Amino acid sequence: MHIEEALTKQYGPLMSIAQLAACLDRSAEGLRISLRTESEWSKSINATKLKLGRRVYFRTAEIALVLSGK
């Protein structure tokens, strides 16, 4: 099973910051702080960000690409 299939099956097409933190085995606050830094990793994760109103989500398919290194 591919990363994208597994993540989509577990979280759906969009991931909240809490779900992304759980996937990365980090705390939600620690992930928020990490995403504010100017690093290549944070830029690639922030590129998947989608804001719906005041809520922030991350596209699961694009997160899978980042995690697979593509």
PDB file of N, CA and C in Angstrom:
ATOM      1  N   MET A   1       0.846  -1.181   0.000  1.00  0.00           N
ATOM      2  CA  MET A   1       0.000   0.000   0.000  1.00  0.00           C
ATOM      3  C   MET A   1       0.888   1.238   0.000  1.00  0.00           C
ATOM      4  N   HIS A   2       0.548   2.190  -0.817  1.00  0.00           N
ATOM      5  CA  HIS A   2       1.320   3.416  -0.929  1.00  0.00           C
ATOM      6  C   HIS A   2       0.993   4.368   0.228  1.00  0.00           C
ATOM      7  N   ILE A   3       1.881   5.299   0.457  1.00  0.00           N
ATOM      8  CA  ILE A   3       1.705   6.268   1.547  1.00  0.00           C
ATOM      9  C   ILE A   3       0.416   7.054   1.349  1.00  0.00           C
ATOM     10  N   GLU A   4       0.167   7.504   0.123  1.00  0.00           N
ATOM     11  CA  GLU A   4      -1.027   8.310  -0.132  1.00  0.00           C
ATOM     12  C   GLU A   4      -2.301   7.528   0.160  1.00  0.00           C
ATOM     13  N   GLU A   5      -2.347   6.279  -0.248  1.00  0.00           N
ATOM     14  CA  GLU A   5      -3.534   5.450   0.012  1.00  0.00           C
ATOM     15  C   GLU A   5      -3.760   5.263   1.498  1.00  0.00           C
ATOM     16  N   ALA A   6      -2.680   5.005   2.222  1.00  0.00           N
ATOM     17  CA  ALA A   6      -2.800   4.783   3.666  1.00  0.00           C
ATOM     18  C   ALA A   6      -3.248   6.047   4.396  1.00  0.00           C
ATOM     19  N   LEU A   7      -2.657   7.182   4.033  1.00  0.00           N
ATOM     20  CA  LEU A   7      -3.030   8.437   4.690  1.00  0.00           C
ATOM     21  C   LEU A   7      -4.460   8.841   4.346  1.00  0.00           C
ATOM     22  N   THR A   8      -4.851   8.682   3.082  1.00  0.00           N
ATOM     23  CA  THR A   8      -6.202   9.041   2.675  1.00  0.00           C
ATOM     24  C   THR A   8      -7.226   8.144   3.347  1.00  0.00           C
ATOM     25  N   LYS A   9      -6.914   6.878   3.478  1.00  0.00           N
ATOM     26  CA  LYS A   9      -7.824   5.939   4.148  1.00  0.00           C
ATOM     27  C   LYS A   9      -8.007   6.318   5.614  1.00  0.00           C
ATOM     28  N   GLN A  10      -6.937   6.747   6.268  1.00  0.00           N
ATOM     29  CA  GLN A  10      -6.996   7.068   7.691  1.00  0.00           C
ATOM     30  C   GLN A  10      -7.532   8.469   7.959  1.00  0.00           C
ATOM     31  N   TYR A  11      -7.132   9.468   7.167  1.00  0.00           N
ATOM     32  CA  TYR A  11      -7.457  10.861   7.471  1.00  0.00           C
ATOM     33  C   TYR A  11      -8.413  11.530   6.492  1.00  0.00           C
ATOM     34  N   GLY A  12      -8.589  10.980   5.302  1.00  0.00           N
ATOM     35  CA  GLY A  12      -9.423  11.625   4.294  1.00  0.00           C
ATOM     36  C   GLY A  12      -8.588  12.539   3.421  1.00  0.00           C
ATOM     37  N   PRO A  13      -9.234  13.343   2.557  1.00  0.00           N
ATOM     38  CA  PRO A  13      -8.479  14.172   1.612  1.00  0.00           C
ATOM     39  C   PRO A  13      -7.776  15.369   2.247  1.00  0.00           C
ATOM     40  N   LEU A  14      -8.221  15.793   3.421  1.00  0.00           N
ATOM     41  CA  LEU A  14      -7.590  16.917   4.116  1.00  0.00           C
ATOM     42  C   LEU A  14      -7.224  16.500   5.530  1.00  0.00           C
ATOM     43  N   MET A  15      -6.078  16.989   5.995  1.00  0.00           N
ATOM     44  CA  MET A  15      -5.616  16.688   7.346  1.00  0.00           C
ATOM     45  C   MET A  15      -5.576  17.971   8.167  1.00  0.00           C
ATOM     46  N   SER A  16      -6.044  17.890   9.390  1.00  0.00           N
ATOM     47  CA  SER A  16      -5.916  19.030  10.300  1.00  0.00           C
ATOM     48  C   SER A  16      -4.490  19.045  10.837  1.00  0.00           C
ATOM     49  N   ILE A  17      -4.141  20.094  11.522  1.00  0.00           N
ATOM     50  CA  ILE A  17      -2.786  20.171  12.076  1.00  0.00           C
ATOM     51  C   ILE A  17      -2.583  19.104  13.148  1.00  0.00           C
ATOM     52  N   ALA A  18      -3.629  18.780  13.890  1.00  0.00           N
ATOM     53  CA  ALA A  18      -3.530  17.730  14.905  1.00  0.00           C
ATOM     54  C   ALA A  18      -3.309  16.367  14.253  1.00  0.00           C
ATOM     55  N   GLN A  19      -3.991  16.104  13.141  1.00  0.00           N
ATOM     56  CA  GLN A  19      -3.814  14.841  12.436  1.00  0.00           C
ATOM     57  C   GLN A  19      -2.429  14.747  11.804  1.00  0.00           C
ATOM     58  N   LEU A  20      -1.958  15.841  11.234  1.00  0.00           N
ATOM     59  CA  LEU A  20      -0.619  15.861  10.653  1.00  0.00           C
ATOM     60  C   LEU A  20       0.432  15.645  11.734  1.00  0.00           C
ATOM     61  N   ALA A  21       0.238  16.271  12.878  1.00  0.00           N
ATOM     62  CA  ALA A  21       1.173  16.095  13.994  1.00  0.00           C
ATOM     63  C   ALA A  21       1.180  14.638  14.456  1.00  0.00           C
ATOM     64  N   ALA A  22       0.011  14.017  14.532  1.00  0.00           N
ATOM     65  CA  ALA A  22      -0.058  12.605  14.934  1.00  0.00           C
ATOM     66  C   ALA A  22       0.642  11.726  13.911  1.00  0.00           C
ATOM     67  N   CYS A  23       0.470  12.038  12.637  1.00  0.00           N
ATOM     68  CA  CYS A  23       1.117  11.276  11.566  1.00  0.00           C
ATOM     69  C   CYS A  23       2.638  11.379  11.658  1.00  0.00           C
ATOM     70  N   LEU A  24       3.128  12.549  12.034  1.00  0.00           N
ATOM     71  CA  LEU A  24       4.571  12.782  12.147  1.00  0.00           C
ATOM     72  C   LEU A  24       5.114  12.466  13.534  1.00  0.00           C
ATOM     73  N   ASP A  25       4.231  12.000  14.439  1.00  0.00           N
ATOM     74  CA  ASP A  25       4.591  11.663  15.812  1.00  0.00           C
ATOM     75  C   ASP A  25       5.200  12.867  16.538  1.00  0.00           C
ATOM     76  N   ARG A  26       4.507  13.992  16.422  1.00  0.00           N
ATOM     77  CA  ARG A  26       4.911  15.234  17.082  1.00  0.00           C
ATOM     78  C   ARG A  26       3.708  15.816  17.784  1.00  0.00           C
ATOM     79  N   SER A  27       3.952  16.779  18.648  1.00  0.00           N
ATOM     80  CA  SER A  27       2.836  17.494  19.264  1.00  0.00           C
ATOM     81  C   SER A  27       2.349  18.562  18.288  1.00  0.00           C
ATOM     82  N   ALA A  28       1.085  18.931  18.398  1.00  0.00           N
ATOM     83  CA  ALA A  28       0.522  19.939  17.496  1.00  0.00           C
ATOM     84  C   ALA A  28       1.235  21.278  17.674  1.00  0.00           C
ATOM     85  N   GLU A  29       1.531  21.659  18.920  1.00  0.00           N
ATOM     86  CA  GLU A  29       2.227  22.934  19.168  1.00  0.00           C
ATOM     87  C   GLU A  29       3.650  22.901  18.613  1.00  0.00           C
ATOM     88  N   GLY A  30       4.335  21.785  18.790  1.00  0.00           N
ATOM     89  CA  GLY A  30       5.685  21.657  18.241  1.00  0.00           C
ATOM     90  C   GLY A  30       5.692  21.749  16.728  1.00  0.00           C
ATOM     91  N   LEU A  31       4.679  21.163  16.090  1.00  0.00           N
ATOM     92  CA  LEU A  31       4.574  21.243  14.640  1.00  0.00           C
ATOM     93  C   LEU A  31       4.289  22.670  14.190  1.00  0.00           C
ATOM     94  N   ARG A  32       3.411  23.366  14.899  1.00  0.00           N
ATOM     95  CA  ARG A  32       3.122  24.770  14.552  1.00  0.00           C
ATOM     96  C   ARG A  32       4.389  25.612  14.603  1.00  0.00           C
ATOM     97  N   ILE A  33       5.182  25.416  15.631  1.00  0.00           N
ATOM     98  CA  ILE A  33       6.432  26.170  15.777  1.00  0.00           C
ATOM     99  C   ILE A  33       7.398  25.815  14.647  1.00  0.00           C
ATOM    100  N   SER A  34       7.502  24.533  14.322  1.00  0.00           N
ATOM    101  CA  SER A  34       8.402  24.097  13.253  1.00  0.00           C
ATOM    102  C   SER A  34       7.994  24.665  11.906  1.00  0.00           C
ATOM    103  N   LEU A  35       6.700  24.799  11.674  1.00  0.00           N
ATOM    104  CA  LEU A  35       6.226  25.300  10.387  1.00  0.00           C
ATOM    105  C   LEU A  35       6.443  26.800  10.220  1.00  0.00           C
ATOM    106  N   ARG A  36       6.774  27.491  11.286  1.00  0.00           N
ATOM    107  CA  ARG A  36       7.072  28.930  11.202  1.00  0.00           C
ATOM    108  C   ARG A  36       8.513  29.209  10.797  1.00  0.00           C
ATOM    109  N   THR A  37       9.367  28.220  10.865  1.00  0.00           N
ATOM    110  CA  THR A  37      10.777  28.425  10.542  1.00  0.00           C
ATOM    111  C   THR A  37      10.972  28.480   9.035  1.00  0.00           C
ATOM    112  N   GLU A  38      12.103  29.009   8.620  1.00  0.00           N
ATOM    113  CA  GLU A  38      12.446  29.114   7.204  1.00  0.00           C
ATOM    114  C   GLU A  38      13.364  27.958   6.825  1.00  0.00           C
ATOM    115  N   SER A  39      12.786  26.779   6.663  1.00  0.00           N
ATOM    116  CA  SER A  39      13.579  25.630   6.229  1.00  0.00           C
ATOM    117  C   SER A  39      12.924  25.004   5.009  1.00  0.00           C
ATOM    118  N   GLU A  40      13.673  24.185   4.304  1.00  0.00           N
ATOM    119  CA  GLU A  40      13.143  23.536   3.114  1.00  0.00           C
ATOM    120  C   GLU A  40      11.966  22.628   3.467  1.00  0.00           C
ATOM    121  N   TRP A  41      12.082  21.926   4.599  1.00  0.00           N
ATOM    122  CA  TRP A  41      11.026  21.024   5.042  1.00  0.00           C
ATOM    123  C   TRP A  41       9.740  21.791   5.345  1.00  0.00           C
ATOM    124  N   SER A  42       9.849  22.885   6.076  1.00  0.00           N
ATOM    125  CA  SER A  42       8.649  23.640   6.430  1.00  0.00           C
ATOM    126  C   SER A  42       8.023  24.286   5.198  1.00  0.00           C
ATOM    127  N   LYS A  43       8.833  24.722   4.240  1.00  0.00           N
ATOM    128  CA  LYS A  43       8.290  25.305   3.019  1.00  0.00           C
ATOM    129  C   LYS A  43       7.506  24.268   2.221  1.00  0.00           C
ATOM    130  N   SER A  44       8.014  23.041   2.167  1.00  0.00           N
ATOM    131  CA  SER A  44       7.306  22.000   1.420  1.00  0.00           C
ATOM    132  C   SER A  44       5.994  21.617   2.107  1.00  0.00           C
ATOM    133  N   ILE A  45       5.969  21.587   3.426  1.00  0.00           N
ATOM    134  CA  ILE A  45       4.731  21.289   4.159  1.00  0.00           C
ATOM    135  C   ILE A  45       3.755  22.455   4.028  1.00  0.00           C
ATOM    136  N   ASN A  46       4.244  23.678   4.172  1.00  0.00           N
ATOM    137  CA  ASN A  46       3.373  24.852   4.074  1.00  0.00           C
ATOM    138  C   ASN A  46       2.785  25.021   2.677  1.00  0.00           C
ATOM    139  N   ALA A  47       3.428  24.483   1.666  1.00  0.00           N
ATOM    140  CA  ALA A  47       2.904  24.568   0.306  1.00  0.00           C
ATOM    141  C   ALA A  47       1.628  23.746   0.148  1.00  0.00           C
ATOM    142  N   THR A  48       1.395  22.795   1.035  1.00  0.00           N
ATOM    143  CA  THR A  48       0.197  21.956   0.968  1.00  0.00           C
ATOM    144  C   THR A  48      -0.953  22.537   1.774  1.00  0.00           C
ATOM    145  N   LYS A  49      -0.731  23.691   2.389  1.00  0.00           N
ATOM    146  CA  LYS A  49      -1.707  24.291   3.305  1.00  0.00           C
ATOM    147  C   LYS A  49      -2.925  24.820   2.550  1.00  0.00           C
ATOM    148  N   LEU A  50      -4.084  24.636   3.159  1.00  0.00           N
ATOM    149  CA  LEU A  50      -5.347  25.126   2.623  1.00  0.00           C
ATOM    150  C   LEU A  50      -6.132  25.734   3.769  1.00  0.00           C
ATOM    151  N   LYS A  51      -6.515  26.998   3.636  1.00  0.00           N
ATOM    152  CA  LYS A  51      -7.287  27.661   4.683  1.00  0.00           C
ATOM    153  C   LYS A  51      -8.755  27.686   4.277  1.00  0.00           C
ATOM    154  N   LEU A  52      -9.600  27.180   5.147  1.00  0.00           N
ATOM    155  CA  LEU A  52     -11.045  27.227   4.966  1.00  0.00           C
ATOM    156  C   LEU A  52     -11.606  28.026   6.129  1.00  0.00           C
ATOM    157  N   GLY A  53     -11.914  29.273   5.871  1.00  0.00           N
ATOM    158  CA  GLY A  53     -12.333  30.156   6.950  1.00  0.00           C
ATOM    159  C   GLY A  53     -11.152  30.405   7.862  1.00  0.00           C
ATOM    160  N   ARG A  54     -11.319  30.104   9.138  1.00  0.00           N
ATOM    161  CA  ARG A  54     -10.223  30.269  10.093  1.00  0.00           C
ATOM    162  C   ARG A  54      -9.459  28.983  10.327  1.00  0.00           C
ATOM    163  N   ARG A  55      -9.896  27.911   9.733  1.00  0.00           N
ATOM    164  CA  ARG A  55      -9.249  26.609   9.935  1.00  0.00           C
ATOM    165  C   ARG A  55      -8.168  26.361   8.894  1.00  0.00           C
ATOM    166  N   VAL A  56      -7.140  25.647   9.312  1.00  0.00           N
ATOM    167  CA  VAL A  56      -6.020  25.314   8.429  1.00  0.00           C
ATOM    168  C   VAL A  56      -5.996  23.810   8.226  1.00  0.00           C
ATOM    169  N   TYR A  57      -5.954  23.403   6.970  1.00  0.00           N
ATOM    170  CA  TYR A  57      -5.858  21.993   6.614  1.00  0.00           C
ATOM    171  C   TYR A  57      -4.671  21.799   5.682  1.00  0.00           C
ATOM    172  N   PHE A  58      -4.269  20.548   5.537  1.00  0.00           N
ATOM    173  CA  PHE A  58      -3.172  20.182   4.647  1.00  0.00           C
ATOM    174  C   PHE A  58      -3.682  19.108   3.702  1.00  0.00           C
ATOM    175  N   ARG A  59      -3.359  19.246   2.421  1.00  0.00           N
ATOM    176  CA  ARG A  59      -3.818  18.276   1.419  1.00  0.00           C
ATOM    177  C   ARG A  59      -3.068  16.959   1.622  1.00  0.00           C
ATOM    178  N   THR A  60      -3.830  15.902   1.853  1.00  0.00           N
ATOM    179  CA  THR A  60      -3.250  14.600   2.174  1.00  0.00           C
ATOM    180  C   THR A  60      -2.387  14.062   1.039  1.00  0.00           C
ATOM    181  N   ALA A  61      -2.835  14.194  -0.192  1.00  0.00           N
ATOM    182  CA  ALA A  61      -2.074  13.676  -1.337  1.00  0.00           C
ATOM    183  C   ALA A  61      -0.716  14.365  -1.453  1.00  0.00           C
ATOM    184  N   GLU A  62      -0.682  15.671  -1.210  1.00  0.00           N
ATOM    185  CA  GLU A  62       0.577  16.414  -1.296  1.00  0.00           C
ATOM    186  C   GLU A  62       1.483  16.123  -0.102  1.00  0.00           C
ATOM    187  N   ILE A  63       0.897  15.891   1.066  1.00  0.00           N
ATOM    188  CA  ILE A  63       1.687  15.484   2.242  1.00  0.00           C
ATOM    189  C   ILE A  63       2.364  14.148   1.955  1.00  0.00           C
ATOM    190  N   ALA A  64       1.640  13.243   1.321  1.00  0.00           N
ATOM    191  CA  ALA A  64       2.221  11.937   0.965  1.00  0.00           C
ATOM    192  C   ALA A  64       3.406  12.094   0.039  1.00  0.00           C
ATOM    193  N   LEU A  65       3.325  13.033  -0.904  1.00  0.00           N
ATOM    194  CA  LEU A  65       4.460  13.289  -1.799  1.00  0.00           C
ATOM    195  C   LEU A  65       5.655  13.830  -1.035  1.00  0.00           C
ATOM    196  N   VAL A  66       5.400  14.732  -0.092  1.00  0.00           N
ATOM    197  CA  VAL A  66       6.494  15.298   0.710  1.00  0.00           C
ATOM    198  C   VAL A  66       7.148  14.194   1.547  1.00  0.00           C
ATOM    199  N   LEU A  67       6.327  13.349   2.154  1.00  0.00           N
ATOM    200  CA  LEU A  67       6.867  12.281   3.008  1.00  0.00           C
ATOM    201  C   LEU A  67       7.623  11.235   2.200  1.00  0.00           C
ATOM    202  N   SER A  68       7.219  11.013   0.943  1.00  0.00           N
ATOM    203  CA  SER A  68       7.910  10.030   0.119  1.00  0.00           C
ATOM    204  C   SER A  68       9.172  10.617  -0.524  1.00  0.00           C
ATOM    205  N   GLY A  69       9.368  11.937  -0.386  1.00  0.00           N
ATOM    206  CA  GLY A  69      10.586  12.553  -0.885  1.00  0.00           C
ATOM    207  C   GLY A  69      10.516  12.996  -2.333  1.00  0.00           C
ATOM    208  N   LYS A  70       9.335  13.092  -2.887  1.00  0.00           N
ATOM    209  CA  LYS A  70       9.190  13.499  -4.300  1.00  0.00           C
ATOM    210  C   LYS A  70       8.926  14.958  -4.425  1.00  0.00           C
TER     211      LYS A  70
END
